Amino acid sequence: MIKVNFEGKDVFLSRPTRVIDLIEDKDDLSIICCLVNNVTQRLDFELRHNSKVELLRLDNHYACNTYYNSLRYLFAMATHNLYPHLSVKFSYSISQGSLIRTINSDIKFNEKMRKEIDNEMHRLVESKLDINVSKMANNDAVSIFEKLEYKDKIDILKYRPEKTVYMYTCNEYMNYVYGKIVTNTKYLDKFELTMYEKGILLRYPRAEEKGNIPNLIIENTYQNTLNKAYKWARMISAETIADINSHVTNYYDKVNFVHVCEARHNQDLVDIAEQISDKIDDIKLIAIAGPSSSGKTTFSNRLRIQLMTLGINPVKLSIDDYYLPRDKVKPGKDGKVDLEDINIIDIELFNKDLNDLLNGKKVTLPVFDFKTGTRKVGQSFQIKPNQPIIIEGIHALNDLLTVSIPRANKYKIYIGPHVQVNIDNLSPIQSTDLRMLRRIVRDNKYRGYSAETTISLWDNVRRGEFKWIYPNEEGADYVYNSDLIYEVNVLKKHALPLLKKIEEDSPQYNKALHLIKFLKYYEDIEDDLVPCNSLLREFIGGSCFKDC
């Protein structure tokens, strides 16, 4: 007898049974996949042991990830049907969608092709075709990939520790996609294809939008940064994990690769510093913001030093010291205090002190005591003429925070890792996964948090980012890409042991498993090859800016 807790109710099975056979309404297409014992599974997953099953819809992140995986497969299938010799690559995310490019030098997407692919995808959806999964030996998979000319998949299989791979087959079309996908094309009717830049933008339901497709937002500043990162990855032959691993085959290659990536960071810092120097008579405030684990602290220290080489000696002002005393902060409707809300900052005092400092006055700065939730009197401070102030934090780019400073006197920098690395052409690595790895390693090293604790807090972190950070990104003067292409090769040895401690019965096990699965492809790079001023040192330790 098999005991299954199905959607909160116990069901007893006399024989192995598929999850979909337990669903009363088989035509309910809102159910995308399921969690079985905290692991994402397809609806055709067969229950053979005592299990807990939760059905997932598009208001759930895991369901949306499965949907996105499936749409990538569907797009590749439609493209293969229409243009058998066309190679496509899913590259960066923009406007909460995924940009797809052709990688044939003589063929580029156009509006006619977009319409044809769109129509073919809808035809496949309406045809209600089963998508079957089968396990095969890596050697057999290589033989298939060779016939299909999928070199990218052959390359990454070299680094797969398992001896088998799961292949998806639909109506004789066969391909591998990293992650679970749906059981039938009938589920995949929610998508939009739009011509964007030099490719096609695939937009799909997002959990943050309650399962709806987000509105298309043109993000020119952000897109330029992503294009720059995309070209850079191609130029140094680091578009895939297999490409990156080829750079770390020996000590000499590793040293070169690490320092090439670091040099790119240096060059961007030079660009920013020169832009500020050119307008130093006007710029009074340098504001730096970005999502969690972007490397804001190290970046602001390195920018300060870079500006000093141009005769500019900026000072840093901590926004954290301007939190309102806790007894003056009103909780929300849920009775909790949102520690990321801009209204828990004493905006009036912050602007008064900013203006007084910029006008040459001596100001006694506050110091916030996080243990007691109160402000104390700090040191008196005075700056010199043409000495800009650096602020960094979640709200630094929000004009509500610096309302008294004219826009012309601000230089705004958005910082975040914009990853341009794929597992293979159909499977891009998400920047949010990189940031989570950084945070897991940093939280454990400096706060003693387990990986389980960090992952459990991540949804709240993301909600704050969508509310307070991303809306202010497009107004930045410079978007700084803090990704270091070699960094996962370093983070791997720190993150894997922490992730493997998460037990199977933990709600965070599913995310841990996802991270483990792509980490395993990376070859190691030793910590001692990372420079002490590297942004990566903020997470793994050993930074020369530790006490700055």
Protein backbone atom coordinates (compact mmCIF):
# COMPACT_ATOMS: atom_id res chain seq x y z
CA MET A 1 0.00 0.00 0.00
CA ILE A 2 1.32 3.44 -0.97
CA LYS A 3 0.29 6.40 1.17
CA VAL A 4 0.16 9.70 -0.71
CA ASN A 5 -0.65 13.07 0.83
CA PHE A 6 -2.28 14.61 -2.24
CA GLU A 7 -3.10 18.29 -1.93
CA GLY A 8 -3.41 17.94 1.83
CA LYS A 9 -5.53 14.78 1.82
CA ASP A 10 -4.29 11.22 2.35
CA VAL A 11 -4.83 8.81 -0.53
CA PHE A 12 -3.95 5.11 -0.41
CA LEU A 13 -2.81 3.41 -3.62
CA SER A 14 -2.63 -0.32 -4.26
CA ARG A 15 -0.16 0.04 -7.13
CA PRO A 16 2.21 2.63 -8.66
CA THR A 17 0.13 5.52 -10.04
CA ARG A 18 0.90 8.61 -12.09
CA VAL A 19 0.18 11.98 -10.50
CA ILE A 20 -2.09 12.97 -13.39
CA ASP A 21 -4.30 9.96 -12.67
CA LEU A 22 -5.09 11.42 -9.25
CA ILE A 23 -6.34 14.70 -10.74
CA GLU A 24 -10.13 14.73 -11.05
CA ASP A 25 -10.31 17.20 -13.94
CA LYS A 26 -7.88 15.90 -16.54
CA ASP A 27 -8.69 18.90 -18.76
CA ASP A 28 -7.55 21.46 -16.20
CA LEU A 29 -4.67 23.04 -18.13
CA SER A 30 -3.85 25.43 -15.31
CA ILE A 31 -2.00 22.62 -13.53
CA ILE A 32 1.50 22.71 -15.06
CA CYS A 33 3.55 20.34 -12.93
CA CYS A 34 3.81 19.17 -9.34
CA LEU A 35 6.04 18.92 -6.32
CA VAL A 36 6.65 15.38 -5.13
CA ASN A 37 8.49 15.33 -1.81
CA ASN A 38 9.74 18.88 -2.49
CA VAL A 39 11.08 18.15 -5.99
CA THR A 40 9.57 19.45 -9.23
CA GLN A 41 8.15 16.60 -11.31
CA ARG A 42 6.10 16.20 -14.47
CA LEU A 43 2.45 15.23 -14.15
CA ASP A 44 3.25 11.78 -15.56
CA PHE A 45 5.56 11.08 -12.61
CA GLU A 46 4.80 7.65 -11.19
CA LEU A 47 4.28 7.44 -7.43
CA ARG A 48 5.91 4.24 -6.14
CA HIS A 49 6.59 5.20 -2.53
CA ASN A 50 4.92 7.16 0.25
CA SER A 51 4.87 10.73 -1.00
CA LYS A 52 3.58 14.23 -0.54
CA VAL A 53 2.22 15.80 -3.73
CA GLU A 54 1.38 19.44 -4.42
CA LEU A 55 -0.04 20.57 -7.76
CA LEU A 56 1.54 23.73 -9.17
CA ARG A 57 0.03 26.51 -11.27
CA LEU A 58 1.52 29.60 -12.88
CA ASP A 59 1.41 31.67 -9.71
CA ASN A 60 4.24 29.42 -8.49
CA HIS A 61 7.90 30.01 -9.43
CA TYR A 62 8.63 26.33 -10.03
CA ALA A 63 5.63 26.02 -12.36
CA CYS A 64 6.75 29.13 -14.27
CA ASN A 65 10.26 27.71 -14.59
CA THR A 66 8.83 24.47 -15.99
CA TYR A 67 6.68 26.50 -18.38
CA TYR A 68 9.70 28.50 -19.55
CA ASN A 69 11.74 25.32 -20.04
CA SER A 70 8.88 23.91 -22.10
CA LEU A 71 8.50 27.02 -24.26
CA ARG A 72 12.20 26.88 -25.10
CA TYR A 73 11.70 23.31 -26.27
CA LEU A 74 8.56 24.31 -28.22
CA PHE A 75 10.35 27.24 -29.90
CA ALA A 76 13.29 25.01 -30.87
CA MET A 77 10.90 22.39 -32.25
CA ALA A 78 8.93 24.94 -34.29
CA THR A 79 12.14 26.44 -35.65
CA HIS A 80 13.48 23.00 -36.53
CA ASN A 81 10.25 22.16 -38.38
CA LEU A 82 10.38 25.38 -40.41
CA TYR A 83 14.12 25.91 -40.85
CA PRO A 84 15.94 22.60 -40.22
CA HIS A 85 19.42 24.07 -40.67
CA LEU A 86 18.88 27.19 -38.53
CA SER A 87 20.69 27.28 -35.17
CA VAL A 88 19.22 29.42 -32.40
CA LYS A 89 20.46 30.49 -29.00
CA PHE A 90 18.56 31.74 -25.96
CA SER A 91 20.63 34.57 -24.55
CA TYR A 92 19.90 37.22 -21.94
CA SER A 93 16.66 38.06 -20.14
CA ILE A 94 15.10 41.45 -20.76
CA SER A 95 11.65 42.87 -19.99
CA GLN A 96 11.09 39.63 -18.02
CA GLY A 97 11.43 37.67 -21.26
CA SER A 98 14.18 35.79 -23.08
CA LEU A 99 15.96 37.09 -26.17
CA ILE A 100 16.58 34.48 -28.87
CA ARG A 101 19.18 35.00 -31.58
CA THR A 102 20.22 33.04 -34.63
CA ILE A 103 23.81 31.87 -34.60
CA ASN A 104 24.05 31.27 -38.34
CA SER A 105 26.20 34.11 -39.65
CA ASP A 106 24.14 34.48 -42.84
CA ILE A 107 20.62 34.31 -41.35
CA LYS A 108 18.94 36.77 -38.98
CA PHE A 109 15.41 36.74 -37.63
CA ASN A 110 12.90 39.02 -39.38
CA GLU A 111 9.20 39.76 -38.98
CA LYS A 112 8.18 37.13 -41.55
CA MET A 113 10.11 34.44 -39.66
CA ARG A 114 8.66 35.58 -36.34
CA LYS A 115 5.11 35.17 -37.67
CA GLU A 116 5.88 31.76 -39.13
CA ILE A 117 7.44 30.52 -35.87
CA ASP A 118 4.55 31.97 -33.85
CA ASN A 119 2.03 30.19 -36.08
CA GLU A 120 3.94 26.92 -35.93
CA MET A 121 4.17 27.06 -32.13
CA HIS A 122 0.42 27.63 -31.88
CA ARG A 123 -0.18 24.76 -34.33
CA LEU A 124 1.88 22.46 -32.12
CA VAL A 125 -0.08 23.60 -29.06
CA GLU A 126 -3.42 22.99 -30.77
CA SER A 127 -2.23 19.57 -31.92
CA LYS A 128 -1.98 18.47 -28.27
CA LEU A 129 1.16 16.42 -28.79
CA ASP A 130 2.61 14.30 -26.00
CA ILE A 131 6.15 15.15 -24.91
CA ASN A 132 7.77 11.94 -23.73
CA VAL A 133 10.93 11.60 -21.69
CA SER A 134 13.41 8.75 -21.85
CA LYS A 135 16.73 8.00 -20.19
CA MET A 136 19.65 7.13 -22.43
CA ALA A 137 23.38 6.63 -22.11
CA ASN A 138 25.54 9.66 -22.75
CA ASN A 139 27.20 7.92 -25.71
CA ASP A 140 23.81 7.34 -27.34
CA ALA A 141 22.88 10.96 -26.75
CA VAL A 142 26.13 12.08 -28.38
CA SER A 143 25.32 10.01 -31.46
CA ILE A 144 21.95 11.76 -31.75
CA PHE A 145 23.48 15.19 -31.19
CA GLU A 146 26.10 14.52 -33.84
CA LYS A 147 23.42 13.76 -36.43
CA LEU A 148 21.53 16.93 -35.42
CA GLU A 149 24.78 18.96 -35.36
CA TYR A 150 24.21 20.04 -31.75
CA LYS A 151 27.86 20.69 -30.91
CA ASP A 152 26.95 22.74 -27.83
CA LYS A 153 25.24 19.73 -26.22
CA ILE A 154 28.12 17.40 -27.08
CA ASP A 155 30.59 19.80 -25.48
CA ILE A 156 28.73 20.06 -22.17
CA LEU A 157 28.19 16.29 -21.87
CA LYS A 158 31.95 15.97 -21.36
CA TYR A 159 31.49 17.59 -17.94
CA ARG A 160 28.33 15.72 -16.91
CA PRO A 161 29.25 13.38 -14.02
CA GLU A 162 26.23 11.12 -14.62
CA LYS A 163 26.46 8.42 -17.29
CA THR A 164 22.92 9.00 -18.54
CA VAL A 165 20.84 11.90 -19.79
CA TYR A 166 17.08 12.46 -20.09
CA MET A 167 15.88 13.17 -23.64
CA TYR A 168 12.54 14.69 -24.60
CA THR A 169 10.73 13.44 -27.70
CA CYS A 170 7.67 14.99 -29.33
CA ASN A 171 6.30 13.76 -32.66
CA GLU A 172 9.76 12.43 -33.65
CA TYR A 173 11.49 15.68 -32.65
CA MET A 174 14.16 14.95 -30.06
CA ASN A 175 16.12 17.36 -27.88
CA TYR A 176 17.47 17.91 -24.40
CA VAL A 177 16.47 20.87 -22.24
CA TYR A 178 17.96 21.58 -18.83
CA GLY A 179 15.10 21.16 -16.35
CA LYS A 180 11.66 19.56 -16.34
CA ILE A 181 9.11 20.31 -19.08
CA VAL A 182 5.37 19.68 -19.42
CA THR A 183 3.88 16.40 -20.62
CA ASN A 184 1.92 17.79 -23.58
CA THR A 185 2.08 20.80 -25.90
CA LYS A 186 -1.54 21.66 -25.03
CA TYR A 187 -0.39 23.43 -21.84
CA LEU A 188 1.75 25.96 -23.73
CA ASP A 189 -0.74 28.47 -25.14
CA LYS A 190 0.50 31.42 -23.08
CA PHE A 191 3.43 33.14 -24.79
CA GLU A 192 4.21 36.15 -26.96
CA LEU A 193 6.89 36.56 -29.60
CA THR A 194 8.11 40.06 -30.42
CA MET A 195 10.89 41.32 -32.67
CA TYR A 196 13.45 42.90 -30.36
CA GLU A 197 16.87 44.25 -31.23
CA LYS A 198 18.37 41.63 -33.58
CA GLY A 199 16.36 38.71 -32.30
CA ILE A 200 12.99 37.49 -31.08
CA LEU A 201 11.86 38.17 -27.53
CA LEU A 202 9.94 35.29 -25.97
CA ARG A 203 7.70 36.51 -23.17
CA TYR A 204 5.97 34.06 -20.89
CA PRO A 205 3.94 33.92 -17.63
CA ARG A 206 5.74 35.03 -14.48
CA ALA A 207 4.91 34.11 -10.90
CA GLU A 208 5.55 37.73 -9.87
CA GLU A 209 2.68 38.68 -12.20
CA LYS A 210 0.35 35.99 -10.81
CA GLY A 211 0.85 33.85 -13.90
CA ASN A 212 0.31 36.64 -16.42
CA ILE A 213 2.71 37.75 -19.14
CA PRO A 214 4.34 41.06 -18.10
CA ASN A 215 3.92 44.14 -20.25
CA LEU A 216 6.73 44.80 -22.70
CA ILE A 217 8.98 47.56 -21.37
CA ILE A 218 11.69 48.98 -23.61
CA GLU A 219 14.88 49.18 -21.51
CA ASN A 220 17.48 50.81 -23.73
CA THR A 221 20.14 51.45 -21.07
CA TYR A 222 19.86 47.93 -19.68
CA GLN A 223 19.79 46.39 -23.16
CA ASN A 224 22.97 48.20 -24.18
CA THR A 225 24.72 46.72 -21.16
CA LEU A 226 23.49 43.23 -22.00
CA ASN A 227 24.59 43.59 -25.62
CA LYS A 228 28.01 44.67 -24.41
CA ALA A 229 28.22 41.65 -22.11
CA TYR A 230 27.04 39.32 -24.87
CA LYS A 231 29.72 40.58 -27.27
CA TRP A 232 32.36 40.38 -24.54
CA ALA A 233 31.52 36.73 -23.76
CA ARG A 234 31.79 35.90 -27.46
CA MET A 235 35.05 37.79 -27.85
CA ILE A 236 36.82 35.86 -25.09
CA SER A 237 35.18 32.53 -26.08
CA ALA A 238 33.20 32.15 -22.86
CA GLU A 239 29.60 31.76 -24.01
CA THR A 240 29.00 28.36 -22.43
CA ILE A 241 30.18 26.45 -19.38
CA ALA A 242 32.17 24.18 -21.69
CA ASP A 243 33.88 27.27 -23.16
CA ILE A 244 34.75 28.50 -19.68
CA ASN A 245 36.09 25.11 -18.62
CA SER A 246 38.37 25.08 -21.66
CA HIS A 247 40.10 28.16 -20.19
CA VAL A 248 40.96 26.42 -16.91
CA THR A 249 42.71 23.30 -18.17
CA ASN A 250 46.05 24.34 -16.67
CA TYR A 251 47.44 26.89 -14.23
CA TYR A 252 48.69 29.31 -16.87
CA ASP A 253 45.33 29.39 -18.66
CA LYS A 254 43.47 29.86 -15.39
CA VAL A 255 45.61 32.81 -14.34
CA ASN A 256 45.13 34.49 -17.70
CA PHE A 257 41.39 33.91 -17.73
CA VAL A 258 40.88 35.25 -14.20
CA HIS A 259 42.84 38.41 -14.92
CA VAL A 260 41.19 39.01 -18.30
CA CYS A 261 37.81 39.00 -16.52
CA GLU A 262 39.11 41.27 -13.76
CA ALA A 263 40.60 43.63 -16.34
CA ARG A 264 37.15 44.03 -17.85
CA HIS A 265 35.84 45.20 -14.48
CA ASN A 266 38.74 47.61 -14.25
CA GLN A 267 38.03 49.07 -17.67
CA ASP A 268 34.39 49.71 -16.80
CA LEU A 269 35.48 51.44 -13.59
CA VAL A 270 37.80 53.65 -15.65
CA ASP A 271 34.90 54.52 -17.99
CA ILE A 272 32.65 55.52 -15.09
CA ALA A 273 35.35 57.54 -13.35
CA GLU A 274 36.12 59.46 -16.55
CA GLN A 275 32.45 60.24 -17.11
CA ILE A 276 32.17 61.60 -13.56
CA SER A 277 35.41 63.56 -13.94
CA ASP A 278 34.13 65.22 -17.11
CA LYS A 279 31.11 66.55 -15.18
CA ILE A 280 32.66 66.99 -11.76
CA ASP A 281 31.65 70.66 -11.55
CA ASP A 282 28.02 69.54 -11.63
CA ILE A 283 28.06 66.13 -9.95
CA LYS A 284 27.58 66.34 -6.19
CA LEU A 285 26.11 62.94 -5.48
CA ILE A 286 27.11 59.48 -6.79
CA ALA A 287 24.27 57.03 -6.15
CA ILE A 288 24.83 53.26 -6.41
CA ALA A 289 22.04 50.66 -6.23
CA GLY A 290 21.42 47.11 -7.33
CA PRO A 291 19.77 43.89 -6.22
CA SER A 292 21.03 41.66 -3.44
CA SER A 293 24.57 40.28 -3.83
CA SER A 294 25.49 42.55 -6.72
CA GLY A 295 28.77 43.56 -5.13
CA LYS A 296 27.81 47.14 -4.26
CA THR A 297 30.22 47.47 -1.33
CA THR A 298 33.38 46.42 -3.19
CA PHE A 299 32.31 48.35 -6.27
CA SER A 300 31.84 51.60 -4.34
CA ASN A 301 35.28 51.21 -2.72
CA ARG A 302 36.97 50.54 -6.05
CA LEU A 303 35.17 53.43 -7.71
CA ARG A 304 36.30 55.73 -4.90
CA ILE A 305 39.92 54.71 -5.52
CA GLN A 306 39.55 55.05 -9.29
CA LEU A 307 38.23 58.59 -8.83
CA MET A 308 41.19 59.39 -6.59
CA THR A 309 43.51 58.69 -9.55
CA LEU A 310 41.77 61.60 -11.29
CA GLY A 311 42.19 63.95 -8.35
CA ILE A 312 38.66 63.42 -7.04
CA ASN A 313 38.35 62.38 -3.40
CA PRO A 314 34.75 61.30 -2.75
CA VAL A 315 33.33 60.47 0.67
CA LYS A 316 30.83 57.76 1.55
CA LEU A 317 27.62 58.43 3.44
CA SER A 318 25.71 55.47 4.87
CA ILE A 319 21.96 55.43 4.21
CA ASP A 320 21.65 52.75 6.92
CA ASP A 321 22.40 55.32 9.61
CA TYR A 322 19.25 57.23 8.65
CA TYR A 323 16.72 54.57 9.55
CA LEU A 324 13.93 55.92 11.70
CA PRO A 325 13.98 54.74 15.31
CA ARG A 326 11.94 51.55 15.47
CA ASP A 327 9.39 53.06 17.84
CA LYS A 328 8.49 55.58 15.10
CA VAL A 329 8.01 52.98 12.37
CA LYS A 330 4.44 51.88 11.72
CA PRO A 331 3.90 48.22 10.83
CA GLY A 332 2.00 47.22 7.70
CA LYS A 333 -1.44 45.65 7.51
CA ASP A 334 0.10 42.28 8.31
CA GLY A 335 1.48 43.67 11.55
CA LYS A 336 5.08 43.42 10.34
CA VAL A 337 7.61 46.14 9.57
CA ASP A 338 8.89 46.10 5.98
CA LEU A 339 12.57 46.77 6.50
CA GLU A 340 13.01 47.52 2.77
CA ASP A 341 10.32 50.21 2.59
CA ILE A 342 11.75 53.63 1.74
CA ASN A 343 9.46 55.22 4.33
CA ILE A 344 11.39 53.72 7.25
CA ILE A 345 14.26 56.05 6.30
CA ASP A 346 14.33 59.56 7.77
CA ILE A 347 14.26 61.20 4.34
CA GLU A 348 13.91 64.70 5.74
CA LEU A 349 17.04 64.44 7.91
CA PHE A 350 18.98 62.66 5.16
CA ASN A 351 18.29 65.48 2.69
CA LYS A 352 19.07 68.18 5.26
CA ASP A 353 22.44 66.61 6.04
CA LEU A 354 23.20 66.11 2.33
CA ASN A 355 22.50 69.75 1.52
CA ASP A 356 24.41 71.04 4.53
CA LEU A 357 27.44 68.93 3.61
CA LEU A 358 27.33 70.03 -0.04
CA ASN A 359 27.10 73.65 1.10
CA GLY A 360 30.30 73.29 3.11
CA LYS A 361 28.72 73.10 6.55
CA LYS A 362 29.97 70.88 9.34
CA VAL A 363 27.37 68.18 10.04
CA THR A 364 27.05 65.83 12.98
CA LEU A 365 26.08 62.52 11.42
CA PRO A 366 23.82 59.94 13.07
CA VAL A 367 24.74 56.32 13.73
CA PHE A 368 21.99 53.73 13.76
CA ASP A 369 22.22 51.00 16.39
CA PHE A 370 20.61 47.92 14.85
CA LYS A 371 20.57 46.06 18.17
CA THR A 372 18.48 48.66 19.98
CA GLY A 373 16.70 50.09 16.94
CA THR A 374 17.71 53.64 17.91
CA ARG A 375 19.87 56.41 16.47
CA LYS A 376 22.90 57.76 18.27
CA VAL A 377 25.01 60.84 17.74
CA GLY A 378 28.02 60.17 15.51
CA GLN A 379 31.03 62.15 14.39
CA SER A 380 30.99 65.67 13.00
CA PHE A 381 31.88 65.83 9.35
CA GLN A 382 32.68 68.41 6.69
CA ILE A 383 33.59 68.05 3.03
CA LYS A 384 35.62 70.19 0.68
CA PRO A 385 34.37 71.90 -2.50
CA ASN A 386 34.07 69.53 -5.52
CA GLN A 387 34.16 66.55 -3.16
CA PRO A 388 31.22 64.35 -4.21
CA ILE A 389 29.31 62.11 -1.82
CA ILE A 390 28.85 58.40 -2.57
CA ILE A 391 25.71 56.67 -1.33
CA GLU A 392 24.88 53.03 -1.98
CA GLY A 393 21.88 50.92 -1.05
CA ILE A 394 18.54 49.59 -2.15
CA HIS A 395 16.99 53.06 -2.50
CA ALA A 396 20.01 55.02 -3.72
CA LEU A 397 18.59 55.54 -7.25
CA ASN A 398 15.12 56.47 -6.01
CA ASP A 399 14.65 60.22 -6.37
CA LEU A 400 12.32 60.16 -3.35
CA LEU A 401 15.37 59.52 -1.19
CA THR A 402 17.36 62.50 -2.54
CA VAL A 403 14.46 64.75 -3.46
CA SER A 404 16.36 67.94 -2.58
CA ILE A 405 19.25 67.22 -4.97
CA PRO A 406 18.61 68.25 -8.62
CA ARG A 407 18.92 65.44 -11.16
CA ALA A 408 21.75 67.28 -12.92
CA ASN A 409 23.81 67.00 -9.73
CA LYS A 410 23.44 63.22 -9.47
CA TYR A 411 25.34 60.46 -11.19
CA LYS A 412 23.36 57.21 -10.92
CA ILE A 413 24.94 53.78 -11.21
CA TYR A 414 22.95 50.54 -11.34
CA ILE A 415 25.01 47.45 -10.55
CA GLY A 416 24.13 43.81 -11.07
CA PRO A 417 25.58 40.61 -12.55
CA HIS A 418 24.26 40.24 -16.09
CA VAL A 419 25.22 36.67 -16.90
CA GLN A 420 25.86 35.78 -20.53
CA VAL A 421 26.70 32.11 -20.05
CA ASN A 422 24.67 29.12 -21.22
CA ILE A 423 24.69 25.46 -20.29
CA ASP A 424 23.89 24.91 -23.95
CA ASN A 425 22.18 27.01 -26.64
CA LEU A 426 18.69 26.31 -25.26
CA SER A 427 19.59 26.71 -21.58
CA PRO A 428 20.84 30.10 -20.37
CA ILE A 429 21.98 30.55 -16.78
CA GLN A 430 19.87 33.02 -14.83
CA SER A 431 21.46 36.00 -13.08
CA THR A 432 19.22 35.39 -10.06
CA ASP A 433 20.83 31.96 -9.60
CA LEU A 434 24.30 33.52 -9.59
CA ARG A 435 23.24 36.11 -7.03
CA MET A 436 21.72 33.41 -4.84
CA LEU A 437 24.99 31.44 -4.95
CA ARG A 438 26.92 34.55 -3.96
CA ARG A 439 24.55 35.22 -1.08
CA ILE A 440 24.58 31.61 0.15
CA VAL A 441 28.39 31.69 0.35
CA ARG A 442 28.55 35.17 1.92
CA ASP A 443 25.73 34.58 4.43
CA ASN A 444 27.38 31.41 5.64
CA LYS A 445 30.83 32.97 5.94
CA TYR A 446 29.89 36.25 7.61
CA ARG A 447 26.52 35.58 9.29
CA GLY A 448 26.66 31.88 10.00
CA TYR A 449 23.47 31.25 8.01
CA SER A 450 22.81 27.87 6.47
CA ALA A 451 22.06 27.64 2.76
CA GLU A 452 18.55 26.58 3.76
CA THR A 453 18.01 29.82 5.68
CA THR A 454 19.31 31.99 2.83
CA ILE A 455 17.10 30.25 0.25
CA SER A 456 14.06 30.56 2.54
CA LEU A 457 14.51 34.35 2.64
CA TRP A 458 15.00 34.71 -1.11
CA ASP A 459 11.35 35.24 -2.12
CA ASN A 460 11.10 38.22 0.23
CA VAL A 461 14.35 39.60 -1.15
CA ARG A 462 13.01 39.28 -4.70
CA ARG A 463 9.74 41.01 -3.82
CA GLY A 464 11.70 43.98 -2.50
CA GLU A 465 13.83 44.09 -5.65
CA PHE A 466 10.82 44.21 -7.95
CA LYS A 467 9.22 46.92 -5.83
CA TRP A 468 12.17 49.17 -5.02
CA ILE A 469 15.14 48.47 -7.30
CA TYR A 470 14.19 47.39 -10.82
CA PRO A 471 11.81 50.34 -11.46
CA ASN A 472 14.74 52.75 -11.02
CA GLU A 473 17.24 50.89 -13.19
CA GLU A 474 16.43 52.49 -16.54
CA GLY A 475 17.08 55.99 -15.16
CA ALA A 476 20.71 55.15 -14.38
CA ASP A 477 23.61 56.96 -16.05
CA TYR A 478 25.60 53.72 -16.15
CA VAL A 479 24.66 50.05 -15.74
CA TYR A 480 27.68 48.18 -14.36
CA ASN A 481 27.87 44.46 -15.04
CA SER A 482 29.33 42.92 -11.89
CA ASP A 483 29.44 39.41 -13.32
CA LEU A 484 32.85 37.78 -13.38
CA ILE A 485 32.58 34.97 -15.91
CA TYR A 486 35.00 32.76 -13.97
CA GLU A 487 33.33 33.22 -10.58
CA VAL A 488 31.10 30.11 -10.49
CA ASN A 489 34.26 28.01 -10.94
CA VAL A 490 35.38 29.56 -7.64
CA LEU A 491 32.03 29.63 -5.83
CA LYS A 492 31.35 25.97 -6.58
CA LYS A 493 33.64 24.56 -3.88
CA HIS A 494 32.10 26.92 -1.29
CA ALA A 495 28.45 26.47 -2.26
CA LEU A 496 28.17 22.73 -3.00
CA PRO A 497 28.82 21.47 0.57
CA LEU A 498 26.31 23.99 1.94
CA LEU A 499 23.64 23.03 -0.59
CA LYS A 500 24.16 19.30 -0.01
CA LYS A 501 23.37 19.77 3.71
CA ILE A 502 19.76 20.60 2.86
CA GLU A 503 17.62 17.55 3.62
CA GLU A 504 15.09 16.10 1.18
CA ASP A 505 12.19 16.95 3.48
CA SER A 506 13.08 20.67 3.43
CA PRO A 507 10.92 23.08 1.37
CA GLN A 508 14.24 24.52 0.12
CA TYR A 509 15.48 21.18 -1.23
CA ASN A 510 14.04 21.80 -4.71
CA LYS A 511 15.99 25.01 -5.21
CA ALA A 512 19.14 23.45 -3.78
CA LEU A 513 18.82 20.59 -6.24
CA HIS A 514 18.46 23.05 -9.13
CA LEU A 515 21.66 24.86 -8.13
CA ILE A 516 23.58 21.64 -7.57
CA LYS A 517 22.64 20.36 -11.02
CA PHE A 518 24.29 23.21 -12.91
CA LEU A 519 27.18 23.72 -10.49
CA LYS A 520 28.39 20.19 -11.18
CA TYR A 521 29.37 21.12 -14.74
CA TYR A 522 32.01 23.66 -13.66
CA GLU A 523 35.70 22.89 -13.25
CA ASP A 524 37.32 24.35 -10.12
CA ILE A 525 39.41 27.52 -9.91
CA GLU A 526 41.43 28.00 -6.71
CA ASP A 527 40.62 30.90 -4.37
CA ASP A 528 44.22 32.10 -4.28
CA LEU A 529 44.00 33.13 -7.94
CA VAL A 530 41.32 35.73 -7.07
CA PRO A 531 42.84 39.21 -6.49
CA CYS A 532 42.27 40.71 -3.04
CA ASN A 533 40.41 43.70 -4.52
CA SER A 534 38.15 41.52 -6.67
CA LEU A 535 34.43 41.98 -6.29
CA LEU A 536 34.26 38.20 -5.76
CA ARG A 537 36.22 38.58 -2.51
CA GLU A 538 33.14 40.26 -1.02
CA PHE A 539 31.53 36.82 -0.99
CA ILE A 540 34.32 34.28 -0.49
CA GLY A 541 36.37 36.38 1.94
CA GLY A 542 39.89 37.79 1.86
CA SER A 543 38.94 41.24 0.57
CA CYS A 544 41.40 44.05 1.13
CA PHE A 545 38.32 46.29 1.62
CA LYS A 546 37.05 44.28 4.58
CA ASP A 547 37.39 47.12 7.09
CA CYS A 548 36.79 50.05 4.69
